[in-house]
């Protein structure tokens, strides 16, 4: 319940635009997902998770889920750069900025995204 309350509060303030889309994180017990969304057109520009075919082997080599999340973050940044997206707004979707969510954000920063 706490996550939904935090999510509701943050949703009022965070919005993705064509110039600065929103990176949304969803975290399940086993996987982590990231999507870059343009809220004005209501379009998902790209998405990735540790189930993505291109990085599946790298993720399997990772020893922890935190390492896997960092790999997913780097991959999202790489795909975003290919689509000329450099600046984003980070939406942690009500999750605490800790552990896997933090690792995904740091991986995206390492990959060249600014937020």
PDB file of N, CA and C in Angstrom:
ATOM      1  N   UNK A   1       0.803  -1.187   0.000  1.00  0.00           N
ATOM      2  CA  UNK A   1       0.000   0.000   0.000  1.00  0.00           C
ATOM      3  C   UNK A   1       0.852   1.259   0.000  1.00  0.00           C
ATOM      4  N   UNK A   2       1.955   1.257   0.718  1.00  0.00           N
ATOM      5  CA  UNK A   2       2.811   2.440   0.776  1.00  0.00           C
ATOM      6  C   UNK A   2       3.327   2.809  -0.612  1.00  0.00           C
ATOM      7  N   UNK A   3       3.670   1.781  -1.401  1.00  0.00           N
ATOM      8  CA  UNK A   3       4.167   2.046  -2.743  1.00  0.00           C
ATOM      9  C   UNK A   3       3.122   2.778  -3.573  1.00  0.00           C
ATOM     10  N   UNK A   4       1.868   2.375  -3.463  1.00  0.00           N
ATOM     11  CA  UNK A   4       0.813   3.013  -4.258  1.00  0.00           C
ATOM     12  C   UNK A   4       0.610   4.460  -3.835  1.00  0.00           C
ATOM     13  N   UNK A   5       0.758   4.742  -2.544  1.00  0.00           N
ATOM     14  CA  UNK A   5       0.635   6.115  -2.074  1.00  0.00           C
ATOM     15  C   UNK A   5       1.778   6.973  -2.605  1.00  0.00           C
ATOM     16  N   UNK A   6       2.998   6.458  -2.544  1.00  0.00           N
ATOM     17  CA  UNK A   6       4.145   7.196  -3.077  1.00  0.00           C
ATOM     18  C   UNK A   6       3.993   7.409  -4.574  1.00  0.00           C
ATOM     19  N   UNK A   7       3.522   6.380  -5.282  1.00  0.00           N
ATOM     20  CA  UNK A   7       3.334   6.446  -6.727  1.00  0.00           C
ATOM     21  C   UNK A   7       2.315   7.526  -7.094  1.00  0.00           C
ATOM     22  N   UNK A   8       1.243   7.571  -6.357  1.00  0.00           N
ATOM     23  CA  UNK A   8       0.184   8.543  -6.622  1.00  0.00           C
ATOM     24  C   UNK A   8       0.695   9.977  -6.420  1.00  0.00           C
ATOM     25  N   UNK A   9       1.473  10.198  -5.361  1.00  0.00           N
ATOM     26  CA  UNK A   9       2.034  11.536  -5.107  1.00  0.00           C
ATOM     27  C   UNK A   9       2.981  11.958  -6.219  1.00  0.00           C
ATOM     28  N   UNK A  10       3.856  11.044  -6.640  1.00  0.00           N
ATOM     29  CA  UNK A  10       4.865  11.363  -7.654  1.00  0.00           C
ATOM     30  C   UNK A  10       4.255  11.553  -9.032  1.00  0.00           C
ATOM     31  N   UNK A  11       3.190  10.844  -9.318  1.00  0.00           N
ATOM     32  CA  UNK A  11       2.557  10.889 -10.629  1.00  0.00           C
ATOM     33  C   UNK A  11       2.040  12.288 -10.959  1.00  0.00           C
ATOM     34  N   UNK A  12       1.678  13.057  -9.925  1.00  0.00           N
ATOM     35  CA  UNK A  12       1.195  14.416 -10.126  1.00  0.00           C
ATOM     36  C   UNK A  12       2.286  15.328 -10.686  1.00  0.00           C
ATOM     37  N   UNK A  13       3.526  15.072 -10.316  1.00  0.00           N
ATOM     38  CA  UNK A  13       4.625  15.979 -10.641  1.00  0.00           C
ATOM     39  C   UNK A  13       5.442  15.547 -11.859  1.00  0.00           C
ATOM     40  N   UNK A  14       5.498  14.269 -12.136  1.00  0.00           N
ATOM     41  CA  UNK A  14       6.371  13.762 -13.194  1.00  0.00           C
ATOM     42  C   UNK A  14       5.578  13.555 -14.471  1.00  0.00           C
ATOM     43  N   UNK A  15       6.102  14.121 -15.583  1.00  0.00           N
ATOM     44  CA  UNK A  15       5.470  13.925 -16.879  1.00  0.00           C
ATOM     45  C   UNK A  15       6.543  13.953 -17.951  1.00  0.00           C
ATOM     46  N   UNK A  16       6.464  13.010 -18.884  1.00  0.00           N
ATOM     47  CA  UNK A  16       7.417  12.951 -19.967  1.00  0.00           C
ATOM     48  C   UNK A  16       6.946  13.778 -21.153  1.00  0.00           C
ATOM     49  N   UNK A  17       7.883  14.467 -21.788  1.00  0.00           N
ATOM     50  CA  UNK A  17       7.589  15.268 -22.969  1.00  0.00           C
ATOM     51  C   UNK A  17       8.409  14.730 -24.133  1.00  0.00           C
ATOM     52  N   UNK A  18       8.144  15.172 -25.366  1.00  0.00           N
ATOM     53  CA  UNK A  18       8.976  14.708 -26.485  1.00  0.00           C
ATOM     54  C   UNK A  18      10.455  15.069 -26.315  1.00  0.00           C
ATOM     55  N   UNK A  19      10.736  16.240 -25.705  1.00  0.00           N
ATOM     56  CA  UNK A  19      12.128  16.651 -25.501  1.00  0.00           C
ATOM     57  C   UNK A  19      12.776  15.911 -24.342  1.00  0.00           C
ATOM     58  N   UNK A  20      11.969  15.550 -23.352  1.00  0.00           N
ATOM     59  CA  UNK A  20      12.489  14.899 -22.151  1.00  0.00           C
ATOM     60  C   UNK A  20      11.509  13.809 -21.707  1.00  0.00           C
ATOM     61  N   UNK A  21      11.575  12.633 -22.348  1.00  0.00           N
ATOM     62  CA  UNK A  21      10.638  11.554 -21.997  1.00  0.00           C
ATOM     63  C   UNK A  21      10.915  10.980 -20.602  1.00  0.00           C
ATOM     64  N   UNK A  22      10.020  10.135 -20.156  1.00  0.00           N
ATOM     65  CA  UNK A  22      10.050   9.587 -18.800  1.00  0.00           C
ATOM     66  C   UNK A  22      10.546   8.148 -18.835  1.00  0.00           C
ATOM     67  N   UNK A  23      11.509   7.828 -17.984  1.00  0.00           N
ATOM     68  CA  UNK A  23      11.983   6.450 -17.812  1.00  0.00           C
ATOM     69  C   UNK A  23      11.243   5.855 -16.625  1.00  0.00           C
ATOM     70  N   UNK A  24      10.367   4.892 -16.894  1.00  0.00           N
ATOM     71  CA  UNK A  24       9.543   4.259 -15.865  1.00  0.00           C
ATOM     72  C   UNK A  24      10.151   2.916 -15.497  1.00  0.00           C
ATOM     73  N   UNK A  25      10.212   2.637 -14.210  1.00  0.00           N
ATOM     74  CA  UNK A  25      10.770   1.383 -13.722  1.00  0.00           C
ATOM     75  C   UNK A  25       9.645   0.539 -13.122  1.00  0.00           C
ATOM     76  N   UNK A  26       9.621  -0.747 -13.486  1.00  0.00           N
ATOM     77  CA  UNK A  26       8.742  -1.697 -12.812  1.00  0.00           C
ATOM     78  C   UNK A  26       9.623  -2.834 -12.322  1.00  0.00           C
ATOM     79  N   UNK A  27       9.413  -3.211 -11.081  1.00  0.00           N
ATOM     80  CA  UNK A  27      10.258  -4.224 -10.452  1.00  0.00           C
ATOM     81  C   UNK A  27       9.369  -5.335  -9.909  1.00  0.00           C
ATOM     82  N   UNK A  28       9.596  -6.554 -10.395  1.00  0.00           N
ATOM     83  CA  UNK A  28       8.925  -7.702  -9.794  1.00  0.00           C
ATOM     84  C   UNK A  28       9.946  -8.409  -8.908  1.00  0.00           C
ATOM     85  N   UNK A  29       9.559  -9.510  -8.318  1.00  0.00           N
ATOM     86  CA  UNK A  29      10.503 -10.214  -7.450  1.00  0.00           C
ATOM     87  C   UNK A  29      11.687 -10.777  -8.226  1.00  0.00           C
ATOM     88  N   UNK A  30      11.467 -11.139  -9.482  1.00  0.00           N
ATOM     89  CA  UNK A  30      12.494 -11.809 -10.261  1.00  0.00           C
ATOM     90  C   UNK A  30      13.098 -10.932 -11.350  1.00  0.00           C
ATOM     91  N   UNK A  31      12.320 -10.031 -11.925  1.00  0.00           N
ATOM     92  CA  UNK A  31      12.752  -9.258 -13.087  1.00  0.00           C
ATOM     93  C   UNK A  31      12.640  -7.766 -12.821  1.00  0.00           C
ATOM     94  N   UNK A  32      13.283  -6.979 -13.699  1.00  0.00           N
ATOM     95  CA  UNK A  32      13.146  -5.527 -13.661  1.00  0.00           C
ATOM     96  C   UNK A  32      12.916  -5.050 -15.089  1.00  0.00           C
ATOM     97  N   UNK A  33      12.027  -4.093 -15.231  1.00  0.00           N
ATOM     98  CA  UNK A  33      11.642  -3.583 -16.540  1.00  0.00           C
ATOM     99  C   UNK A  33      11.838  -2.075 -16.561  1.00  0.00           C
ATOM    100  N   UNK A  34      12.217  -1.546 -17.699  1.00  0.00           N
ATOM    101  CA  UNK A  34      12.325  -0.101 -17.879  1.00  0.00           C
ATOM    102  C   UNK A  34      11.721   0.283 -19.214  1.00  0.00           C
ATOM    103  N   UNK A  35      10.958   1.361 -19.226  1.00  0.00           N
ATOM    104  CA  UNK A  35      10.358   1.867 -20.453  1.00  0.00           C
ATOM    105  C   UNK A  35      10.575   3.363 -20.533  1.00  0.00           C
ATOM    106  N   UNK A  36      10.834   3.847 -21.737  1.00  0.00           N
ATOM    107  CA  UNK A  36      10.902   5.278 -21.960  1.00  0.00           C
ATOM    108  C   UNK A  36       9.610   5.681 -22.648  1.00  0.00           C
ATOM    109  N   UNK A  37       8.885   6.621 -22.014  1.00  0.00           N
ATOM    110  CA  UNK A  37       7.528   6.964 -22.428  1.00  0.00           C
ATOM    111  C   UNK A  37       7.415   8.465 -22.706  1.00  0.00           C
ATOM    112  N   UNK A  38       6.710   8.812 -23.791  1.00  0.00           N
ATOM    113  CA  UNK A  38       6.340  10.190 -24.089  1.00  0.00           C
ATOM    114  C   UNK A  38       4.876  10.346 -23.689  1.00  0.00           C
ATOM    115  N   UNK A  39       4.618  11.064 -22.602  1.00  0.00           N
ATOM    116  CA  UNK A  39       3.261  11.174 -22.069  1.00  0.00           C
ATOM    117  C   UNK A  39       2.359  12.078 -22.901  1.00  0.00           C
ATOM    118  N   UNK A  40       2.926  13.029 -23.618  1.00  0.00           N
ATOM    119  CA  UNK A  40       2.076  13.920 -24.409  1.00  0.00           C
ATOM    120  C   UNK A  40       1.413  13.182 -25.563  1.00  0.00           C
ATOM    121  N   UNK A  41       2.143  12.255 -26.186  1.00  0.00           N
ATOM    122  CA  UNK A  41       1.574  11.442 -27.271  1.00  0.00           C
ATOM    123  C   UNK A  41       1.079  10.089 -26.774  1.00  0.00           C
ATOM    124  N   UNK A  42       1.308   9.791 -25.508  1.00  0.00           N
ATOM    125  CA  UNK A  42       0.948   8.512 -24.902  1.00  0.00           C
ATOM    126  C   UNK A  42       1.535   7.340 -25.676  1.00  0.00           C
ATOM    127  N   UNK A  43       2.845   7.415 -25.928  1.00  0.00           N
ATOM    128  CA  UNK A  43       3.561   6.381 -26.676  1.00  0.00           C
ATOM    129  C   UNK A  43       4.746   5.877 -25.866  1.00  0.00           C
ATOM    130  N   UNK A  44       4.963   4.578 -25.947  1.00  0.00           N
ATOM    131  CA  UNK A  44       6.167   3.987 -25.388  1.00  0.00           C
ATOM    132  C   UNK A  44       7.223   4.010 -26.482  1.00  0.00           C
ATOM    133  N   UNK A  45       8.313   4.727 -26.248  1.00  0.00           N
ATOM    134  CA  UNK A  45       9.353   4.868 -27.255  1.00  0.00           C
ATOM    135  C   UNK A  45      10.263   3.647 -27.312  1.00  0.00           C
ATOM    136  N   UNK A  46      10.565   3.081 -26.156  1.00  0.00           N
ATOM    137  CA  UNK A  46      11.352   1.846 -26.111  1.00  0.00           C
ATOM    138  C   UNK A  46      11.226   1.223 -24.740  1.00  0.00           C
ATOM    139  N   UNK A  47      11.542  -0.023 -24.658  1.00  0.00           N
ATOM    140  CA  UNK A  47      11.469  -0.735 -23.391  1.00  0.00           C
ATOM    141  C   UNK A  47      12.484  -1.855 -23.352  1.00  0.00           C
ATOM    142  N   UNK A  48      12.874  -2.237 -22.162  1.00  0.00           N
ATOM    143  CA  UNK A  48      13.829  -3.331 -21.996  1.00  0.00           C
ATOM    144  C   UNK A  48      13.650  -3.938 -20.614  1.00  0.00           C
ATOM    145  N   UNK A  49      14.091  -5.174 -20.489  1.00  0.00           N
ATOM    146  CA  UNK A  49      14.084  -5.848 -19.195  1.00  0.00           C
ATOM    147  C   UNK A  49      15.209  -6.870 -19.199  1.00  0.00           C
ATOM    148  N   UNK A  50      15.350  -7.592 -18.100  1.00  0.00           N
ATOM    149  CA  UNK A  50      16.373  -8.622 -18.104  1.00  0.00           C
ATOM    150  C   UNK A  50      15.904  -9.859 -18.855  1.00  0.00           C
ATOM    151  N   UNK A  51      14.758  -9.783 -19.516  1.00  0.00           N
ATOM    152  CA  UNK A  51      14.295 -10.838 -20.409  1.00  0.00           C
ATOM    153  C   UNK A  51      14.572 -10.510 -21.876  1.00  0.00           C
ATOM    154  N   UNK A  52      15.082  -9.301 -22.158  1.00  0.00           N
ATOM    155  CA  UNK A  52      15.347  -8.881 -23.533  1.00  0.00           C
ATOM    156  C   UNK A  52      16.375  -9.803 -24.185  1.00  0.00           C
ATOM    157  N   UNK A  53      16.109 -10.184 -25.409  1.00  0.00           N
ATOM    158  CA  UNK A  53      16.955 -11.156 -26.103  1.00  0.00           C
ATOM    159  C   UNK A  53      18.399 -10.690 -26.246  1.00  0.00           C
ATOM    160  N   UNK A  54      18.600  -9.400 -26.505  1.00  0.00           N
ATOM    161  CA  UNK A  54      19.940  -8.887 -26.769  1.00  0.00           C
ATOM    162  C   UNK A  54      20.866  -8.964 -25.553  1.00  0.00           C
ATOM    163  N   UNK A  55      20.310  -8.880 -24.359  1.00  0.00           N
ATOM    164  CA  UNK A  55      21.155  -8.859 -23.158  1.00  0.00           C
ATOM    165  C   UNK A  55      20.929 -10.058 -22.248  1.00  0.00           C
ATOM    166  N   UNK A  56      20.140 -10.997 -22.678  1.00  0.00           N
ATOM    167  CA  UNK A  56      19.801 -12.146 -21.833  1.00  0.00           C
ATOM    168  C   UNK A  56      21.042 -12.898 -21.347  1.00  0.00           C
ATOM    169  N   UNK A  57      22.025 -13.085 -22.234  1.00  0.00           N
ATOM    170  CA  UNK A  57      23.238 -13.817 -21.844  1.00  0.00           C
ATOM    171  C   UNK A  57      24.059 -13.046 -20.810  1.00  0.00           C
ATOM    172  N   UNK A  58      24.176 -11.719 -20.989  1.00  0.00           N
ATOM    173  CA  UNK A  58      24.914 -10.911 -20.016  1.00  0.00           C
ATOM    174  C   UNK A  58      24.235 -10.949 -18.654  1.00  0.00           C
ATOM    175  N   UNK A  59      22.910 -10.922 -18.664  1.00  0.00           N
ATOM    176  CA  UNK A  59      22.157 -10.933 -17.412  1.00  0.00           C
ATOM    177  C   UNK A  59      22.338 -12.263 -16.690  1.00  0.00           C
ATOM    178  N   UNK A  60      22.385 -13.346 -17.438  1.00  0.00           N
ATOM    179  CA  UNK A  60      22.578 -14.662 -16.814  1.00  0.00           C
ATOM    180  C   UNK A  60      23.953 -14.773 -16.158  1.00  0.00           C
ATOM    181  N   UNK A  61      24.948 -14.065 -16.715  1.00  0.00           N
ATOM    182  CA  UNK A  61      26.293 -14.094 -16.139  1.00  0.00           C
ATOM    183  C   UNK A  61      26.390 -13.263 -14.855  1.00  0.00           C
ATOM    184  N   UNK A  62      25.471 -12.321 -14.676  1.00  0.00           N
ATOM    185  CA  UNK A  62      25.489 -11.468 -13.488  1.00  0.00           C
ATOM    186  C   UNK A  62      25.239 -12.326 -12.248  1.00  0.00           C
ATOM    187  N   UNK A  63      25.963 -12.022 -11.184  1.00  0.00           N
ATOM    188  CA  UNK A  63      25.856 -12.829  -9.973  1.00  0.00           C
ATOM    189  C   UNK A  63      24.650 -12.449  -9.134  1.00  0.00           C
ATOM    190  N   UNK A  64      24.245 -11.168  -9.199  1.00  0.00           N
ATOM    191  CA  UNK A  64      23.112 -10.716  -8.389  1.00  0.00           C
ATOM    192  C   UNK A  64      22.089 -10.003  -9.273  1.00  0.00           C
ATOM    193  N   UNK A  65      20.906  -9.809  -8.733  1.00  0.00           N
ATOM    194  CA  UNK A  65      19.862  -9.082  -9.463  1.00  0.00           C
ATOM    195  C   UNK A  65      20.205  -7.604  -9.582  1.00  0.00           C
ATOM    196  N   UNK A  66      21.000  -7.087  -8.645  1.00  0.00           N
ATOM    197  CA  UNK A  66      21.426  -5.690  -8.710  1.00  0.00           C
ATOM    198  C   UNK A  66      22.342  -5.490  -9.916  1.00  0.00           C
ATOM    199  N   UNK A  67      23.275  -6.408 -10.129  1.00  0.00           N
ATOM    200  CA  UNK A  67      24.156  -6.339 -11.296  1.00  0.00           C
ATOM    201  C   UNK A  67      23.348  -6.440 -12.583  1.00  0.00           C
ATOM    202  N   UNK A  68      22.366  -7.307 -12.603  1.00  0.00           N
ATOM    203  CA  UNK A  68      21.507  -7.467 -13.775  1.00  0.00           C
ATOM    204  C   UNK A  68      20.741  -6.169 -14.052  1.00  0.00           C
ATOM    205  N   UNK A  69      20.300  -5.496 -13.012  1.00  0.00           N
ATOM    206  CA  UNK A  69      19.578  -4.233 -13.178  1.00  0.00           C
ATOM    207  C   UNK A  69      20.471  -3.164 -13.783  1.00  0.00           C
ATOM    208  N   UNK A  70      21.728  -3.143 -13.383  1.00  0.00           N
ATOM    209  CA  UNK A  70      22.683  -2.179 -13.951  1.00  0.00           C
ATOM    210  C   UNK A  70      22.882  -2.445 -15.443  1.00  0.00           C
ATOM    211  N   UNK A  71      22.939  -3.709 -15.830  1.00  0.00           N
ATOM    212  CA  UNK A  71      23.076  -4.076 -17.241  1.00  0.00           C
ATOM    213  C   UNK A  71      21.858  -3.614 -18.030  1.00  0.00           C
ATOM    214  N   UNK A  72      20.672  -3.789 -17.461  1.00  0.00           N
ATOM    215  CA  UNK A  72      19.435  -3.349 -18.119  1.00  0.00           C
ATOM    216  C   UNK A  72      19.449  -1.832 -18.280  1.00  0.00           C
ATOM    217  N   UNK A  73      19.907  -1.104 -17.272  1.00  0.00           N
ATOM    218  CA  UNK A  73      19.997   0.351 -17.351  1.00  0.00           C
ATOM    219  C   UNK A  73      20.930   0.808 -18.460  1.00  0.00           C
ATOM    220  N   UNK A  74      22.084   0.161 -18.576  1.00  0.00           N
ATOM    221  CA  UNK A  74      23.022   0.499 -19.657  1.00  0.00           C
ATOM    222  C   UNK A  74      22.423   0.220 -21.023  1.00  0.00           C
ATOM    223  N   UNK A  75      21.700  -0.890 -21.131  1.00  0.00           N
ATOM    224  CA  UNK A  75      21.070  -1.253 -22.401  1.00  0.00           C
ATOM    225  C   UNK A  75      19.989  -0.240 -22.785  1.00  0.00           C
ATOM    226  N   UNK A  76      19.201   0.195 -21.821  1.00  0.00           N
ATOM    227  CA  UNK A  76      18.172   1.206 -22.094  1.00  0.00           C
ATOM    228  C   UNK A  76      18.828   2.498 -22.588  1.00  0.00           C
ATOM    229  N   UNK A  77      19.925   2.883 -21.950  1.00  0.00           N
ATOM    230  CA  UNK A  77      20.632   4.096 -22.367  1.00  0.00           C
ATOM    231  C   UNK A  77      21.171   3.958 -23.791  1.00  0.00           C
ATOM    232  N   UNK A  78      21.696   2.801 -24.109  1.00  0.00           N
ATOM    233  CA  UNK A  78      22.219   2.560 -25.466  1.00  0.00           C
ATOM    234  C   UNK A  78      21.104   2.680 -26.506  1.00  0.00           C
ATOM    235  N   UNK A  79      19.959   2.048 -26.239  1.00  0.00           N
ATOM    236  CA  UNK A  79      18.830   2.109 -27.168  1.00  0.00           C
ATOM    237  C   UNK A  79      18.287   3.541 -27.279  1.00  0.00           C
ATOM    238  N   UNK A  80      18.294   4.278 -26.164  1.00  0.00           N
ATOM    239  CA  UNK A  80      17.814   5.662 -26.179  1.00  0.00           C
ATOM    240  C   UNK A  80      18.737   6.544 -27.009  1.00  0.00           C
ATOM    241  N   UNK A  81      20.041   6.341 -26.880  1.00  0.00           N
ATOM    242  CA  UNK A  81      20.988   7.131 -27.678  1.00  0.00           C
ATOM    243  C   UNK A  81      20.808   6.877 -29.167  1.00  0.00           C
ATOM    244  N   UNK A  82      20.473   5.636 -29.528  1.00  0.00           N
ATOM    245  CA  UNK A  82      20.223   5.315 -30.937  1.00  0.00           C
ATOM    246  C   UNK A  82      19.016   6.090 -31.466  1.00  0.00           C
ATOM    247  N   UNK A  83      18.072   6.416 -30.587  1.00  0.00           N
ATOM    248  CA  UNK A  83      16.879   7.176 -30.984  1.00  0.00           C
ATOM    249  C   UNK A  83      17.037   8.666 -30.666  1.00  0.00           C
ATOM    250  N   UNK A  84      18.281   9.105 -30.412  1.00  0.00           N
ATOM    251  CA  UNK A  84      18.615  10.509 -30.124  1.00  0.00           C
ATOM    252  C   UNK A  84      17.907  11.051 -28.883  1.00  0.00           C
ATOM    253  N   UNK A  85      17.779  10.231 -27.869  1.00  0.00           N
ATOM    254  CA  UNK A  85      17.243  10.662 -26.582  1.00  0.00           C
ATOM    255  C   UNK A  85      18.423  10.772 -25.622  1.00  0.00           C
ATOM    256  N   UNK A  86      18.643  11.982 -25.098  1.00  0.00           N
ATOM    257  CA  UNK A  86      19.778  12.192 -24.206  1.00  0.00           C
ATOM    258  C   UNK A  86      19.347  12.560 -22.794  1.00  0.00           C
ATOM    259  N   UNK A  87      18.231  13.288 -22.693  1.00  0.00           N
ATOM    260  CA  UNK A  87      17.746  13.722 -21.380  1.00  0.00           C
ATOM    261  C   UNK A  87      16.404  13.070 -21.102  1.00  0.00           C
ATOM    262  N   UNK A  88      16.241  12.600 -19.868  1.00  0.00           N
ATOM    263  CA  UNK A  88      14.998  11.937 -19.472  1.00  0.00           C
ATOM    264  C   UNK A  88      14.584  12.412 -18.079  1.00  0.00           C
ATOM    265  N   UNK A  89      13.378  12.038 -17.707  1.00  0.00           N
ATOM    266  CA  UNK A  89      12.874  12.222 -16.344  1.00  0.00           C
ATOM    267  C   UNK A  89      12.758  10.816 -15.757  1.00  0.00           C
ATOM    268  N   UNK A  90      13.293  10.612 -14.568  1.00  0.00           N
ATOM    269  CA  UNK A  90      13.287   9.281 -13.962  1.00  0.00           C
ATOM    270  C   UNK A  90      12.053   9.113 -13.089  1.00  0.00           C
ATOM    271  N   UNK A  91      11.262   8.085 -13.372  1.00  0.00           N
ATOM    272  CA  UNK A  91      10.060   7.769 -12.597  1.00  0.00           C
ATOM    273  C   UNK A  91      10.285   6.423 -11.934  1.00  0.00           C
ATOM    274  N   UNK A  92      10.493   6.435 -10.631  1.00  0.00           N
ATOM    275  CA  UNK A  92      10.774   5.189  -9.916  1.00  0.00           C
ATOM    276  C   UNK A  92       9.507   4.432  -9.581  1.00  0.00           C
ATOM    277  N   UNK A  93       8.346   4.989  -9.961  1.00  0.00           N
ATOM    278  CA  UNK A  93       7.060   4.285  -9.891  1.00  0.00           C
ATOM    279  C   UNK A  93       6.675   3.884  -8.462  1.00  0.00           C
ATOM    280  N   UNK A  94       7.065   4.706  -7.492  1.00  0.00           N
ATOM    281  CA  UNK A  94       6.699   4.429  -6.109  1.00  0.00           C
ATOM    282  C   UNK A  94       7.689   3.563  -5.354  1.00  0.00           C
ATOM    283  N   UNK A  95       8.666   3.005  -6.046  1.00  0.00           N
ATOM    284  CA  UNK A  95       9.671   2.185  -5.365  1.00  0.00           C
ATOM    285  C   UNK A  95      10.696   3.103  -4.708  1.00  0.00           C
ATOM    286  N   UNK A  96      11.301   2.636  -3.633  1.00  0.00           N
ATOM    287  CA  UNK A  96      12.350   3.403  -2.991  1.00  0.00           C
ATOM    288  C   UNK A  96      13.575   3.420  -3.898  1.00  0.00           C
ATOM    289  N   UNK A  97      14.304   4.525  -3.871  1.00  0.00           N
ATOM    290  CA  UNK A  97      15.518   4.647  -4.686  1.00  0.00           C
ATOM    291  C   UNK A  97      16.629   3.909  -3.952  1.00  0.00           C
ATOM    292  N   UNK A  98      16.653   2.600  -4.158  1.00  0.00           N
ATOM    293  CA  UNK A  98      17.542   1.735  -3.404  1.00  0.00           C
ATOM    294  C   UNK A  98      17.665   0.425  -4.157  1.00  0.00           C
ATOM    295  N   UNK A  99      18.783  -0.240  -4.044  1.00  0.00           N
ATOM    296  CA  UNK A  99      18.934  -1.582  -4.601  1.00  0.00           C
ATOM    297  C   UNK A  99      18.834  -1.632  -6.110  1.00  0.00           C
ATOM    298  N   UNK A 100      17.895  -2.430  -6.615  1.00  0.00           N
ATOM    299  CA  UNK A 100      17.780  -2.659  -8.056  1.00  0.00           C
ATOM    300  C   UNK A 100      17.326  -1.422  -8.821  1.00  0.00           C
ATOM    301  N   UNK A 101      16.443  -0.624  -8.216  1.00  0.00           N
ATOM    302  CA  UNK A 101      15.977   0.600  -8.880  1.00  0.00           C
ATOM    303  C   UNK A 101      17.138   1.581  -9.015  1.00  0.00           C
ATOM    304  N   UNK A 102      17.913   1.721  -7.973  1.00  0.00           N
ATOM    305  CA  UNK A 102      19.083   2.597  -7.997  1.00  0.00           C
ATOM    306  C   UNK A 102      20.115   2.096  -9.005  1.00  0.00           C
ATOM    307  N   UNK A 103      20.317   0.786  -9.065  1.00  0.00           N
ATOM    308  CA  UNK A 103      21.281   0.210 -10.003  1.00  0.00           C
ATOM    309  C   UNK A 103      20.856   0.465 -11.450  1.00  0.00           C
ATOM    310  N   UNK A 104      19.573   0.345 -11.744  1.00  0.00           N
ATOM    311  CA  UNK A 104      19.088   0.623 -13.095  1.00  0.00           C
ATOM    312  C   UNK A 104      19.335   2.089 -13.444  1.00  0.00           C
ATOM    313  N   UNK A 105      19.056   3.001 -12.518  1.00  0.00           N
ATOM    314  CA  UNK A 105      19.277   4.431 -12.761  1.00  0.00           C
ATOM    315  C   UNK A 105      20.757   4.725 -12.973  1.00  0.00           C
ATOM    316  N   UNK A 106      21.622   4.133 -12.165  1.00  0.00           N
ATOM    317  CA  UNK A 106      23.056   4.362 -12.314  1.00  0.00           C
ATOM    318  C   UNK A 106      23.574   3.776 -13.627  1.00  0.00           C
ATOM    319  N   UNK A 107      23.042   2.617 -14.024  1.00  0.00           N
ATOM    320  CA  UNK A 107      23.415   2.043 -15.309  1.00  0.00           C
ATOM    321  C   UNK A 107      23.004   2.925 -16.468  1.00  0.00           C
ATOM    322  N   UNK A 108      21.830   3.539 -16.375  1.00  0.00           N
ATOM    323  CA  UNK A 108      21.371   4.460 -17.420  1.00  0.00           C
ATOM    324  C   UNK A 108      22.266   5.695 -17.469  1.00  0.00           C
ATOM    325  N   UNK A 109      22.680   6.177 -16.311  1.00  0.00           N
ATOM    326  CA  UNK A 109      23.599   7.327 -16.273  1.00  0.00           C
ATOM    327  C   UNK A 109      24.950   6.957 -16.877  1.00  0.00           C
ATOM    328  N   UNK A 110      25.445   5.762 -16.548  1.00  0.00           N
ATOM    329  CA  UNK A 110      26.717   5.309 -17.113  1.00  0.00           C
ATOM    330  C   UNK A 110      26.634   5.206 -18.625  1.00  0.00           C
ATOM    331  N   UNK A 111      25.443   4.840 -19.123  1.00  0.00           N
ATOM    332  CA  UNK A 111      25.233   4.707 -20.557  1.00  0.00           C
ATOM    333  C   UNK A 111      25.101   6.036 -21.284  1.00  0.00           C
ATOM    334  N   UNK A 112      25.001   7.140 -20.536  1.00  0.00           N
ATOM    335  CA  UNK A 112      24.985   8.451 -21.165  1.00  0.00           C
ATOM    336  C   UNK A 112      23.690   9.234 -21.057  1.00  0.00           C
ATOM    337  N   UNK A 113      22.705   8.732 -20.328  1.00  0.00           N
ATOM    338  CA  UNK A 113      21.458   9.488 -20.158  1.00  0.00           C
ATOM    339  C   UNK A 113      21.626  10.510 -19.036  1.00  0.00           C
ATOM    340  N   UNK A 114      20.997  11.666 -19.208  1.00  0.00           N
ATOM    341  CA  UNK A 114      21.047  12.708 -18.184  1.00  0.00           C
ATOM    342  C   UNK A 114      19.683  12.841 -17.542  1.00  0.00           C
ATOM    343  N   UNK A 115      19.653  12.841 -16.209  1.00  0.00           N
ATOM    344  CA  UNK A 115      18.425  13.103 -15.464  1.00  0.00           C
ATOM    345  C   UNK A 115      18.740  13.529 -14.057  1.00  0.00           C
TER     346      UNK A 115
END
